[in-house]
């Protein structure tokens, strides 16, 4: 079977000086595409390197023939950008591994995602949405400290040390930066401190499986995860950050985080693979931050780390994840 690989690489889009400095932070190195291709070949299928959603559209018009596709393409320039690929594939009748267009659009919206998971009894920090700094009212301020980020971005885009704010002036400054630089709403949520930051990958369907929880380092002076401060394109990317692992990942906490990750995965109708992020208070209370149903498969990131700590070859492990997706589609037995 010919399986299309649809993925944005760092050089996929032309950027202008008006774009944010981290505009390409969500995209992938060529090594990720190589890993995807190796996993498909490991399953005995033929990988077809399609490229971006825009490449897919052109190739479909030219008669591209695929039996299935693996989508981790983020798109560009729209809050609907992550829906481009699954919609095109759906219209072309090509089965797709990964979540569908509706799930991808909803989960890119941090405010809607938080509302939905909160309704499913998943604790998430309270939040406000601001379209401009003028929306911030001096007599109606949420409790500080707050964490301010773009509403429709992933991969820690827009996150800087000053994203954590402790007063109204800093809140206005950060909302102004986000709404101006990223041309979208800013989300300000309660900052969870003390017990560490964790990520939980989920794979499979009926039932999905929560993988071993990974703890992330935080930068001590801000309490922000170092992965968020070191992302591609950030002015702080070359800084020599201190790393600290606050809190302890006990068996009980891991079980709670996995249970919550599965509930989020099911609530948002995710499919095949995703990664959910949490922060934990000093008292051990976990709080959901966001979920990414288009996770990276880079050879040094979450899924590769899980393969390593479980003693698996990464290509073999990733092939197993994709095989479960093909089984959901009725394409693999």
C-alpha atoms as a PDB file:
ATOM      1  CA  UNK A   1       0.000   0.000   0.000  1.00  0.00           C
ATOM      2  CA  UNK A   2       1.162   3.514  -0.806  1.00  0.00           C
ATOM      3  CA  UNK A   3       1.005   5.614   2.377  1.00  0.00           C
ATOM      4  CA  UNK A   4       1.367   9.370   2.058  1.00  0.00           C
ATOM      5  CA  UNK A   5       3.487  11.278   4.576  1.00  0.00           C
ATOM      6  CA  UNK A   6       2.098  14.768   5.054  1.00  0.00           C
ATOM      7  CA  UNK A   7       4.325  16.963   7.167  1.00  0.00           C
ATOM      8  CA  UNK A   8       5.602  20.560   7.250  1.00  0.00           C
ATOM      9  CA  UNK A   9       9.375  20.912   7.386  1.00  0.00           C
ATOM     10  CA  UNK A  10      11.166  24.035   8.573  1.00  0.00           C
ATOM     11  CA  UNK A  11      11.699  25.318   5.031  1.00  0.00           C
ATOM     12  CA  UNK A  12       8.151  24.600   3.833  1.00  0.00           C
ATOM     13  CA  UNK A  13       6.776  28.146   3.911  1.00  0.00           C
ATOM     14  CA  UNK A  14       8.112  31.573   2.929  1.00  0.00           C
ATOM     15  CA  UNK A  15       8.096  33.923   5.903  1.00  0.00           C
ATOM     16  CA  UNK A  16       8.279  37.709   5.986  1.00  0.00           C
ATOM     17  CA  UNK A  17       9.721  40.148   8.482  1.00  0.00           C
ATOM     18  CA  UNK A  18       6.176  40.771   9.713  1.00  0.00           C
ATOM     19  CA  UNK A  19       5.772  37.169  10.864  1.00  0.00           C
ATOM     20  CA  UNK A  20       6.554  36.217  14.478  1.00  0.00           C
ATOM     21  CA  UNK A  21      10.167  35.131  15.117  1.00  0.00           C
ATOM     22  CA  UNK A  22       8.962  31.620  15.991  1.00  0.00           C
ATOM     23  CA  UNK A  23       6.562  31.290  13.025  1.00  0.00           C
ATOM     24  CA  UNK A  24       8.104  27.948  11.991  1.00  0.00           C
ATOM     25  CA  UNK A  25       8.480  26.499  15.501  1.00  0.00           C
ATOM     26  CA  UNK A  26       5.811  23.818  14.978  1.00  0.00           C
ATOM     27  CA  UNK A  27       7.430  22.324  11.891  1.00  0.00           C
ATOM     28  CA  UNK A  28       9.735  19.352  11.548  1.00  0.00           C
ATOM     29  CA  UNK A  29      13.318  18.579  10.546  1.00  0.00           C
ATOM     30  CA  UNK A  30      13.841  16.196   7.632  1.00  0.00           C
ATOM     31  CA  UNK A  31      14.867  13.549  10.172  1.00  0.00           C
ATOM     32  CA  UNK A  32      11.223  13.269  11.251  1.00  0.00           C
ATOM     33  CA  UNK A  33      10.107  12.508   7.704  1.00  0.00           C
ATOM     34  CA  UNK A  34      12.882   9.922   7.450  1.00  0.00           C
ATOM     35  CA  UNK A  35      11.608   8.239  10.639  1.00  0.00           C
ATOM     36  CA  UNK A  36       8.029   8.183   9.344  1.00  0.00           C
ATOM     37  CA  UNK A  37       9.194   6.660   6.065  1.00  0.00           C
ATOM     38  CA  UNK A  38      11.264   4.016   7.873  1.00  0.00           C
ATOM     39  CA  UNK A  39       8.278   3.036  10.039  1.00  0.00           C
ATOM     40  CA  UNK A  40       6.028   2.675   6.985  1.00  0.00           C
ATOM     41  CA  UNK A  41       8.646   0.548   5.231  1.00  0.00           C
ATOM     42  CA  UNK A  42       8.967  -1.552   8.397  1.00  0.00           C
ATOM     43  CA  UNK A  43       5.267  -2.384   8.005  1.00  0.00           C
ATOM     44  CA  UNK A  44       5.887  -3.495   4.424  1.00  0.00           C
ATOM     45  CA  UNK A  45       4.272  -0.483   2.750  1.00  0.00           C
ATOM     46  CA  UNK A  46       5.577   2.212   0.408  1.00  0.00           C
ATOM     47  CA  UNK A  47       6.046   5.688   1.909  1.00  0.00           C
ATOM     48  CA  UNK A  48       5.158   8.602  -0.368  1.00  0.00           C
ATOM     49  CA  UNK A  49       6.616  11.939   0.747  1.00  0.00           C
ATOM     50  CA  UNK A  50       3.838  14.376  -0.090  1.00  0.00           C
ATOM     51  CA  UNK A  51       4.886  17.495   1.827  1.00  0.00           C
ATOM     52  CA  UNK A  52       2.505  20.174   3.110  1.00  0.00           C
ATOM     53  CA  UNK A  53      -1.260  20.546   2.803  1.00  0.00           C
ATOM     54  CA  UNK A  54      -0.692  22.789  -0.195  1.00  0.00           C
ATOM     55  CA  UNK A  55       1.528  20.152  -1.826  1.00  0.00           C
ATOM     56  CA  UNK A  56      -1.214  17.601  -1.131  1.00  0.00           C
ATOM     57  CA  UNK A  57      -3.834  19.755  -2.861  1.00  0.00           C
ATOM     58  CA  UNK A  58      -1.691  20.125  -5.980  1.00  0.00           C
ATOM     59  CA  UNK A  59      -0.811  16.430  -6.113  1.00  0.00           C
ATOM     60  CA  UNK A  60      -4.427  15.358  -5.651  1.00  0.00           C
ATOM     61  CA  UNK A  61      -5.361  17.575  -8.588  1.00  0.00           C
ATOM     62  CA  UNK A  62      -2.649  15.776 -10.567  1.00  0.00           C
ATOM     63  CA  UNK A  63      -4.068  12.332  -9.689  1.00  0.00           C
ATOM     64  CA  UNK A  64      -2.119  11.321  -6.581  1.00  0.00           C
ATOM     65  CA  UNK A  65      -2.982   7.722  -5.659  1.00  0.00           C
ATOM     66  CA  UNK A  66      -2.697   6.726  -1.990  1.00  0.00           C
ATOM     67  CA  UNK A  67      -4.091   3.867   0.041  1.00  0.00           C
ATOM     68  CA  UNK A  68      -3.788   5.856   3.274  1.00  0.00           C
ATOM     69  CA  UNK A  69      -1.943   8.817   4.759  1.00  0.00           C
ATOM     70  CA  UNK A  70      -0.174   9.780   7.981  1.00  0.00           C
ATOM     71  CA  UNK A  71      -0.801  13.408   8.822  1.00  0.00           C
ATOM     72  CA  UNK A  72       1.247  15.578  11.178  1.00  0.00           C
ATOM     73  CA  UNK A  73       1.009  18.752   9.055  1.00  0.00           C
ATOM     74  CA  UNK A  74       0.320  21.958  10.991  1.00  0.00           C
ATOM     75  CA  UNK A  75      -0.563  24.245   8.073  1.00  0.00           C
ATOM     76  CA  UNK A  76      -0.090  28.009   8.241  1.00  0.00           C
ATOM     77  CA  UNK A  77      -1.773  31.399   8.581  1.00  0.00           C
ATOM     78  CA  UNK A  78      -5.197  30.369   9.931  1.00  0.00           C
ATOM     79  CA  UNK A  79      -6.877  29.034  13.043  1.00  0.00           C
ATOM     80  CA  UNK A  80      -8.283  26.316  10.731  1.00  0.00           C
ATOM     81  CA  UNK A  81      -4.844  25.412   9.377  1.00  0.00           C
ATOM     82  CA  UNK A  82      -4.599  22.025  11.085  1.00  0.00           C
ATOM     83  CA  UNK A  83      -7.847  20.957   9.374  1.00  0.00           C
ATOM     84  CA  UNK A  84      -6.510  21.475   5.844  1.00  0.00           C
ATOM     85  CA  UNK A  85      -5.034  18.005   5.381  1.00  0.00           C
ATOM     86  CA  UNK A  86      -7.805  15.833   6.880  1.00  0.00           C
ATOM     87  CA  UNK A  87     -10.463  17.754   4.920  1.00  0.00           C
ATOM     88  CA  UNK A  88      -8.596  17.305   1.626  1.00  0.00           C
ATOM     89  CA  UNK A  89      -8.071  13.608   2.345  1.00  0.00           C
ATOM     90  CA  UNK A  90     -11.696  13.145   3.370  1.00  0.00           C
ATOM     91  CA  UNK A  91     -12.887  14.788   0.154  1.00  0.00           C
ATOM     92  CA  UNK A  92     -10.527  12.550  -1.846  1.00  0.00           C
ATOM     93  CA  UNK A  93     -11.690   9.402  -0.028  1.00  0.00           C
ATOM     94  CA  UNK A  94      -8.214   8.641   1.373  1.00  0.00           C
ATOM     95  CA  UNK A  95      -8.146   7.141   4.917  1.00  0.00           C
ATOM     96  CA  UNK A  96      -6.009   9.146   7.328  1.00  0.00           C
ATOM     97  CA  UNK A  97      -4.126   8.204  10.477  1.00  0.00           C
ATOM     98  CA  UNK A  98      -4.532  10.765  13.231  1.00  0.00           C
ATOM     99  CA  UNK A  99      -7.410  12.918  14.391  1.00  0.00           C
ATOM    100  CA  UNK A 100      -9.954  14.398  11.996  1.00  0.00           C
ATOM    101  CA  UNK A 101     -10.488  18.021  11.006  1.00  0.00           C
ATOM    102  CA  UNK A 102     -12.984  18.879  13.735  1.00  0.00           C
ATOM    103  CA  UNK A 103     -10.783  17.584  16.543  1.00  0.00           C
ATOM    104  CA  UNK A 104      -7.719  19.336  15.143  1.00  0.00           C
ATOM    105  CA  UNK A 105      -9.525  22.675  14.850  1.00  0.00           C
ATOM    106  CA  UNK A 106     -11.004  22.477  18.336  1.00  0.00           C
ATOM    107  CA  UNK A 107      -7.792  21.421  20.054  1.00  0.00           C
ATOM    108  CA  UNK A 108      -5.821  24.221  18.396  1.00  0.00           C
ATOM    109  CA  UNK A 109      -8.191  26.612  20.198  1.00  0.00           C
ATOM    110  CA  UNK A 110      -6.855  26.650  23.760  1.00  0.00           C
ATOM    111  CA  UNK A 111      -9.944  28.369  25.188  1.00  0.00           C
ATOM    112  CA  UNK A 112     -12.495  25.982  23.671  1.00  0.00           C
ATOM    113  CA  UNK A 113     -10.360  22.987  24.633  1.00  0.00           C
ATOM    114  CA  UNK A 114     -10.221  24.121  28.248  1.00  0.00           C
ATOM    115  CA  UNK A 115     -13.997  24.643  28.330  1.00  0.00           C
ATOM    116  CA  UNK A 116     -14.673  21.166  26.949  1.00  0.00           C
ATOM    117  CA  UNK A 117     -12.296  19.275  29.218  1.00  0.00           C
ATOM    118  CA  UNK A 118     -13.445  21.217  32.271  1.00  0.00           C
ATOM    119  CA  UNK A 119     -17.007  20.081  31.497  1.00  0.00           C
ATOM    120  CA  UNK A 120     -15.635  16.506  31.521  1.00  0.00           C
ATOM    121  CA  UNK A 121     -14.309  16.984  35.089  1.00  0.00           C
ATOM    122  CA  UNK A 122     -10.694  17.446  34.062  1.00  0.00           C
ATOM    123  CA  UNK A 123      -9.123  20.163  36.247  1.00  0.00           C
ATOM    124  CA  UNK A 124      -7.692  22.982  34.143  1.00  0.00           C
ATOM    125  CA  UNK A 125      -6.571  26.412  35.376  1.00  0.00           C
ATOM    126  CA  UNK A 126      -9.261  29.115  35.088  1.00  0.00           C
ATOM    127  CA  UNK A 127      -8.714  31.408  32.140  1.00  0.00           C
ATOM    128  CA  UNK A 128      -9.712  34.646  30.453  1.00  0.00           C
ATOM    129  CA  UNK A 129      -9.627  35.497  26.747  1.00  0.00           C
ATOM    130  CA  UNK A 130      -8.527  38.982  25.711  1.00  0.00           C
ATOM    131  CA  UNK A 131      -8.818  40.323  22.161  1.00  0.00           C
ATOM    132  CA  UNK A 132      -6.925  43.506  23.033  1.00  0.00           C
ATOM    133  CA  UNK A 133      -5.174  44.935  26.062  1.00  0.00           C
ATOM    134  CA  UNK A 134      -8.090  47.379  26.309  1.00  0.00           C
ATOM    135  CA  UNK A 135     -10.308  44.440  27.345  1.00  0.00           C
ATOM    136  CA  UNK A 136      -8.466  44.199  30.669  1.00  0.00           C
ATOM    137  CA  UNK A 137     -10.525  45.947  33.335  1.00  0.00           C
ATOM    138  CA  UNK A 138      -8.782  47.197  36.458  1.00  0.00           C
ATOM    139  CA  UNK A 139     -11.740  46.270  38.653  1.00  0.00           C
ATOM    140  CA  UNK A 140     -12.126  42.773  37.201  1.00  0.00           C
ATOM    141  CA  UNK A 141      -8.707  41.158  37.250  1.00  0.00           C
ATOM    142  CA  UNK A 142      -8.184  37.391  37.628  1.00  0.00           C
ATOM    143  CA  UNK A 143      -5.936  36.169  40.455  1.00  0.00           C
ATOM    144  CA  UNK A 144      -2.201  36.506  39.788  1.00  0.00           C
ATOM    145  CA  UNK A 145       0.203  35.055  38.794  1.00  0.00           C
ATOM    146  CA  UNK A 146      -1.071  34.357  35.291  1.00  0.00           C
ATOM    147  CA  UNK A 147       0.408  32.755  32.202  1.00  0.00           C
ATOM    148  CA  UNK A 148      -0.323  34.497  28.892  1.00  0.00           C
ATOM    149  CA  UNK A 149      -0.142  32.744  25.522  1.00  0.00           C
ATOM    150  CA  UNK A 150      -1.642  32.846  22.008  1.00  0.00           C
ATOM    151  CA  UNK A 151      -5.063  31.261  21.648  1.00  0.00           C
ATOM    152  CA  UNK A 152      -4.438  29.366  18.392  1.00  0.00           C
ATOM    153  CA  UNK A 153      -0.822  28.172  18.469  1.00  0.00           C
ATOM    154  CA  UNK A 154       1.171  25.126  19.521  1.00  0.00           C
ATOM    155  CA  UNK A 155       4.771  24.130  20.268  1.00  0.00           C
ATOM    156  CA  UNK A 156       5.063  26.892  22.866  1.00  0.00           C
ATOM    157  CA  UNK A 157       4.849  29.614  20.227  1.00  0.00           C
ATOM    158  CA  UNK A 158       4.687  33.018  21.815  1.00  0.00           C
ATOM    159  CA  UNK A 159       6.075  31.832  25.164  1.00  0.00           C
ATOM    160  CA  UNK A 160       8.850  33.928  26.708  1.00  0.00           C
ATOM    161  CA  UNK A 161      10.085  34.406  30.287  1.00  0.00           C
ATOM    162  CA  UNK A 162       7.770  37.417  30.558  1.00  0.00           C
ATOM    163  CA  UNK A 163       4.733  35.234  29.703  1.00  0.00           C
ATOM    164  CA  UNK A 164       4.308  34.723  33.446  1.00  0.00           C
ATOM    165  CA  UNK A 165       2.795  37.944  34.798  1.00  0.00           C
ATOM    166  CA  UNK A 166       2.212  39.111  38.355  1.00  0.00           C
ATOM    167  CA  UNK A 167       0.333  42.394  37.982  1.00  0.00           C
ATOM    168  CA  UNK A 168      -2.065  44.285  35.722  1.00  0.00           C
ATOM    169  CA  UNK A 169       0.656  46.255  33.939  1.00  0.00           C
ATOM    170  CA  UNK A 170       2.516  43.081  32.960  1.00  0.00           C
ATOM    171  CA  UNK A 171      -0.741  41.447  31.889  1.00  0.00           C
ATOM    172  CA  UNK A 172      -1.557  44.367  29.589  1.00  0.00           C
ATOM    173  CA  UNK A 173       1.951  44.309  28.163  1.00  0.00           C
ATOM    174  CA  UNK A 174       1.813  40.593  27.370  1.00  0.00           C
ATOM    175  CA  UNK A 175      -1.704  40.704  25.926  1.00  0.00           C
ATOM    176  CA  UNK A 176      -0.599  43.579  23.699  1.00  0.00           C
ATOM    177  CA  UNK A 177       2.455  41.589  22.550  1.00  0.00           C
ATOM    178  CA  UNK A 178       0.469  38.444  21.765  1.00  0.00           C
ATOM    179  CA  UNK A 179      -2.487  40.114  20.039  1.00  0.00           C
ATOM    180  CA  UNK A 180      -0.211  42.340  17.955  1.00  0.00           C
ATOM    181  CA  UNK A 181       2.570  39.911  17.042  1.00  0.00           C
ATOM    182  CA  UNK A 182       0.349  36.851  16.488  1.00  0.00           C
ATOM    183  CA  UNK A 183      -2.815  38.625  15.289  1.00  0.00           C
ATOM    184  CA  UNK A 184      -5.102  36.594  17.536  1.00  0.00           C
ATOM    185  CA  UNK A 185      -6.623  36.496  21.010  1.00  0.00           C
ATOM    186  CA  UNK A 186      -4.489  36.004  24.087  1.00  0.00           C
ATOM    187  CA  UNK A 187      -5.389  33.445  26.742  1.00  0.00           C
ATOM    188  CA  UNK A 188      -4.455  34.257  30.331  1.00  0.00           C
ATOM    189  CA  UNK A 189      -4.687  31.292  32.692  1.00  0.00           C
ATOM    190  CA  UNK A 190      -3.768  30.735  36.302  1.00  0.00           C
ATOM    191  CA  UNK A 191      -0.095  29.786  36.664  1.00  0.00           C
ATOM    192  CA  UNK A 192       0.356  26.409  38.368  1.00  0.00           C
ATOM    193  CA  UNK A 193       3.552  26.288  40.413  1.00  0.00           C
ATOM    194  CA  UNK A 194       5.423  23.934  42.655  1.00  0.00           C
ATOM    195  CA  UNK A 195       4.919  20.311  41.667  1.00  0.00           C
ATOM    196  CA  UNK A 196       6.419  20.070  38.215  1.00  0.00           C
ATOM    197  CA  UNK A 197       5.434  19.741  34.573  1.00  0.00           C
ATOM    198  CA  UNK A 198       4.588  16.448  32.858  1.00  0.00           C
ATOM    199  CA  UNK A 199       3.593  15.158  29.437  1.00  0.00           C
ATOM    200  CA  UNK A 200       1.521  12.058  28.677  1.00  0.00           C
ATOM    201  CA  UNK A 201       1.449  10.470  25.223  1.00  0.00           C
ATOM    202  CA  UNK A 202      -1.623   8.462  24.236  1.00  0.00           C
ATOM    203  CA  UNK A 203      -1.821   5.964  21.367  1.00  0.00           C
ATOM    204  CA  UNK A 204      -4.357   3.574  19.914  1.00  0.00           C
ATOM    205  CA  UNK A 205      -8.146   3.334  20.008  1.00  0.00           C
ATOM    206  CA  UNK A 206     -10.916   1.230  21.585  1.00  0.00           C
ATOM    207  CA  UNK A 207      -9.366   1.541  24.104  1.00  0.00           C
ATOM    208  CA  UNK A 208      -6.528   4.049  23.771  1.00  0.00           C
ATOM    209  CA  UNK A 209      -3.394   3.512  25.861  1.00  0.00           C
ATOM    210  CA  UNK A 210      -1.639   6.115  27.997  1.00  0.00           C
ATOM    211  CA  UNK A 211       2.133   5.710  27.758  1.00  0.00           C
ATOM    212  CA  UNK A 212       4.674   6.217  30.570  1.00  0.00           C
ATOM    213  CA  UNK A 213       4.571   9.778  31.890  1.00  0.00           C
ATOM    214  CA  UNK A 214       7.588  11.983  31.182  1.00  0.00           C
ATOM    215  CA  UNK A 215       8.611  14.816  33.490  1.00  0.00           C
ATOM    216  CA  UNK A 216       9.820  18.073  31.982  1.00  0.00           C
ATOM    217  CA  UNK A 217      12.432  20.391  33.422  1.00  0.00           C
ATOM    218  CA  UNK A 218      11.472  23.912  34.465  1.00  0.00           C
ATOM    219  CA  UNK A 219      13.551  27.074  34.599  1.00  0.00           C
ATOM    220  CA  UNK A 220      13.820  27.927  38.327  1.00  0.00           C
ATOM    221  CA  UNK A 221      13.551  31.722  38.188  1.00  0.00           C
ATOM    222  CA  UNK A 222      10.251  31.698  36.259  1.00  0.00           C
ATOM    223  CA  UNK A 223       8.908  28.200  36.851  1.00  0.00           C
ATOM    224  CA  UNK A 224       8.261  27.902  33.102  1.00  0.00           C
ATOM    225  CA  UNK A 225       9.124  24.653  31.322  1.00  0.00           C
ATOM    226  CA  UNK A 226      12.531  24.963  29.669  1.00  0.00           C
ATOM    227  CA  UNK A 227      11.179  23.294  26.504  1.00  0.00           C
ATOM    228  CA  UNK A 228       8.888  26.325  26.109  1.00  0.00           C
ATOM    229  CA  UNK A 229      11.748  28.788  26.508  1.00  0.00           C
ATOM    230  CA  UNK A 230      14.127  27.020  24.129  1.00  0.00           C
ATOM    231  CA  UNK A 231      11.780  26.585  21.179  1.00  0.00           C
ATOM    232  CA  UNK A 232      12.902  27.401  17.685  1.00  0.00           C
ATOM    233  CA  UNK A 233      12.936  31.075  16.788  1.00  0.00           C
ATOM    234  CA  UNK A 234      12.603  32.418  20.324  1.00  0.00           C
ATOM    235  CA  UNK A 235      15.041  35.211  21.246  1.00  0.00           C
ATOM    236  CA  UNK A 236      15.907  33.114  24.308  1.00  0.00           C
ATOM    237  CA  UNK A 237      16.636  29.960  22.312  1.00  0.00           C
ATOM    238  CA  UNK A 238      20.396  30.209  22.791  1.00  0.00           C
ATOM    239  CA  UNK A 239      20.264  31.075  26.478  1.00  0.00           C
ATOM    240  CA  UNK A 240      21.963  28.806  28.981  1.00  0.00           C
ATOM    241  CA  UNK A 241      18.867  27.931  31.010  1.00  0.00           C
ATOM    242  CA  UNK A 242      19.106  26.215  34.351  1.00  0.00           C
ATOM    243  CA  UNK A 243      17.074  23.019  34.533  1.00  0.00           C
ATOM    244  CA  UNK A 244      15.169  21.777  37.555  1.00  0.00           C
ATOM    245  CA  UNK A 245      12.788  18.891  38.139  1.00  0.00           C
ATOM    246  CA  UNK A 246      10.480  19.991  40.961  1.00  0.00           C
ATOM    247  CA  UNK A 247       8.165  17.467  42.538  1.00  0.00           C
ATOM    248  CA  UNK A 248       8.262  13.687  42.288  1.00  0.00           C
ATOM    249  CA  UNK A 249       6.559  11.416  39.783  1.00  0.00           C
ATOM    250  CA  UNK A 250       5.082   8.835  42.122  1.00  0.00           C
ATOM    251  CA  UNK A 251       3.153   5.805  40.919  1.00  0.00           C
ATOM    252  CA  UNK A 252      -0.055   7.395  42.189  1.00  0.00           C
ATOM    253  CA  UNK A 253       0.576  10.671  40.346  1.00  0.00           C
ATOM    254  CA  UNK A 254       1.464   8.819  37.151  1.00  0.00           C
ATOM    255  CA  UNK A 255      -1.800   6.880  37.354  1.00  0.00           C
ATOM    256  CA  UNK A 256      -3.794  10.097  37.866  1.00  0.00           C
ATOM    257  CA  UNK A 257      -2.071  11.844  34.966  1.00  0.00           C
ATOM    258  CA  UNK A 258      -2.647   8.872  32.656  1.00  0.00           C
ATOM    259  CA  UNK A 259      -6.317   8.688  33.660  1.00  0.00           C
ATOM    260  CA  UNK A 260      -6.806  12.393  32.959  1.00  0.00           C
ATOM    261  CA  UNK A 261      -4.932  12.187  29.639  1.00  0.00           C
ATOM    262  CA  UNK A 262      -7.212   9.365  28.491  1.00  0.00           C
ATOM    263  CA  UNK A 263     -10.288  11.345  29.528  1.00  0.00           C
ATOM    264  CA  UNK A 264      -9.093  14.350  27.512  1.00  0.00           C
ATOM    265  CA  UNK A 265      -8.253  12.117  24.528  1.00  0.00           C
ATOM    266  CA  UNK A 266     -11.759  10.624  24.592  1.00  0.00           C
ATOM    267  CA  UNK A 267     -13.556  13.906  25.304  1.00  0.00           C
ATOM    268  CA  UNK A 268     -11.996  15.564  22.264  1.00  0.00           C
ATOM    269  CA  UNK A 269     -12.423  12.463  20.065  1.00  0.00           C
ATOM    270  CA  UNK A 270      -8.708  12.146  19.342  1.00  0.00           C
ATOM    271  CA  UNK A 271      -7.493   9.217  17.268  1.00  0.00           C
ATOM    272  CA  UNK A 272      -4.348   7.099  17.016  1.00  0.00           C
ATOM    273  CA  UNK A 273      -1.865   9.412  18.777  1.00  0.00           C
ATOM    274  CA  UNK A 274      -1.673  12.596  20.838  1.00  0.00           C
ATOM    275  CA  UNK A 275       0.254  14.164  23.699  1.00  0.00           C
ATOM    276  CA  UNK A 276      -1.299  15.916  26.714  1.00  0.00           C
ATOM    277  CA  UNK A 277       0.551  18.369  28.959  1.00  0.00           C
ATOM    278  CA  UNK A 278      -0.029  18.933  32.669  1.00  0.00           C
ATOM    279  CA  UNK A 279       1.344  20.936  35.566  1.00  0.00           C
ATOM    280  CA  UNK A 280       1.108  19.811  39.180  1.00  0.00           C
ATOM    281  CA  UNK A 281       0.794  21.891  42.328  1.00  0.00           C
ATOM    282  CA  UNK A 282       2.977  21.351  45.374  1.00  0.00           C
ATOM    283  CA  UNK A 283       0.076  19.502  47.023  1.00  0.00           C
ATOM    284  CA  UNK A 284       0.003  16.999  44.139  1.00  0.00           C
ATOM    285  CA  UNK A 285      -3.077  18.378  42.334  1.00  0.00           C
ATOM    286  CA  UNK A 286      -2.659  17.937  38.551  1.00  0.00           C
ATOM    287  CA  UNK A 287      -3.940  20.565  36.125  1.00  0.00           C
ATOM    288  CA  UNK A 288      -4.438  20.014  32.403  1.00  0.00           C
ATOM    289  CA  UNK A 289      -2.788  22.594  30.115  1.00  0.00           C
ATOM    290  CA  UNK A 290      -3.329  21.463  26.526  1.00  0.00           C
ATOM    291  CA  UNK A 291      -3.349  18.498  24.156  1.00  0.00           C
ATOM    292  CA  UNK A 292      -1.533  18.129  20.862  1.00  0.00           C
ATOM    293  CA  UNK A 293      -3.085  15.569  18.472  1.00  0.00           C
ATOM    294  CA  UNK A 294      -0.354  16.409  15.939  1.00  0.00           C
ATOM    295  CA  UNK A 295       2.654  15.499  18.103  1.00  0.00           C
ATOM    296  CA  UNK A 296       6.166  15.473  16.767  1.00  0.00           C
ATOM    297  CA  UNK A 297       7.811  12.139  16.035  1.00  0.00           C
ATOM    298  CA  UNK A 298      11.313  13.620  16.026  1.00  0.00           C
ATOM    299  CA  UNK A 299      14.008  11.064  16.896  1.00  0.00           C
ATOM    300  CA  UNK A 300      14.845  12.927  20.129  1.00  0.00           C
ATOM    301  CA  UNK A 301      11.365  13.789  21.412  1.00  0.00           C
ATOM    302  CA  UNK A 302       8.521  12.228  23.421  1.00  0.00           C
ATOM    303  CA  UNK A 303       7.795   9.060  21.443  1.00  0.00           C
ATOM    304  CA  UNK A 304      11.476   8.326  20.856  1.00  0.00           C
ATOM    305  CA  UNK A 305      12.187   8.774  24.568  1.00  0.00           C
ATOM    306  CA  UNK A 306       9.355   6.386  25.465  1.00  0.00           C
ATOM    307  CA  UNK A 307      10.722   3.817  23.013  1.00  0.00           C
ATOM    308  CA  UNK A 308      14.151   4.147  24.631  1.00  0.00           C
ATOM    309  CA  UNK A 309      12.977   3.793  28.239  1.00  0.00           C
ATOM    310  CA  UNK A 310      10.865   0.755  27.330  1.00  0.00           C
ATOM    311  CA  UNK A 311      13.784  -0.872  25.507  1.00  0.00           C
ATOM    312  CA  UNK A 312      12.271  -0.659  22.012  1.00  0.00           C
ATOM    313  CA  UNK A 313      13.826   0.195  18.687  1.00  0.00           C
ATOM    314  CA  UNK A 314      12.230   3.492  17.706  1.00  0.00           C
ATOM    315  CA  UNK A 315      11.339   2.576  14.123  1.00  0.00           C
ATOM    316  CA  UNK A 316       9.807  -0.710  15.269  1.00  0.00           C
ATOM    317  CA  UNK A 317       7.875   1.052  18.031  1.00  0.00           C
ATOM    318  CA  UNK A 318       6.559   3.790  15.740  1.00  0.00           C
ATOM    319  CA  UNK A 319       5.533   1.174  13.179  1.00  0.00           C
ATOM    320  CA  UNK A 320       3.449  -0.472  15.905  1.00  0.00           C
ATOM    321  CA  UNK A 321       1.725   2.848  16.689  1.00  0.00           C
ATOM    322  CA  UNK A 322       0.891   3.353  13.008  1.00  0.00           C
ATOM    323  CA  UNK A 323      -0.244  -0.251  12.634  1.00  0.00           C
ATOM    324  CA  UNK A 324      -2.841   0.323  15.337  1.00  0.00           C
ATOM    325  CA  UNK A 325      -4.089   3.304  13.352  1.00  0.00           C
ATOM    326  CA  UNK A 326      -4.303   1.232  10.187  1.00  0.00           C
ATOM    327  CA  UNK A 327      -6.271  -1.373  12.119  1.00  0.00           C
ATOM    328  CA  UNK A 328      -8.782   1.319  13.153  1.00  0.00           C
ATOM    329  CA  UNK A 329      -9.177   2.136   9.480  1.00  0.00           C
ATOM    330  CA  UNK A 330      -9.621  -1.535   8.580  1.00  0.00           C
ATOM    331  CA  UNK A 331      -6.419  -1.541   6.529  1.00  0.00           C
ATOM    332  CA  UNK A 332      -4.227  -3.859   8.629  1.00  0.00           C
ATOM    333  CA  UNK A 333      -4.926  -7.182  10.318  1.00  0.00           C
END
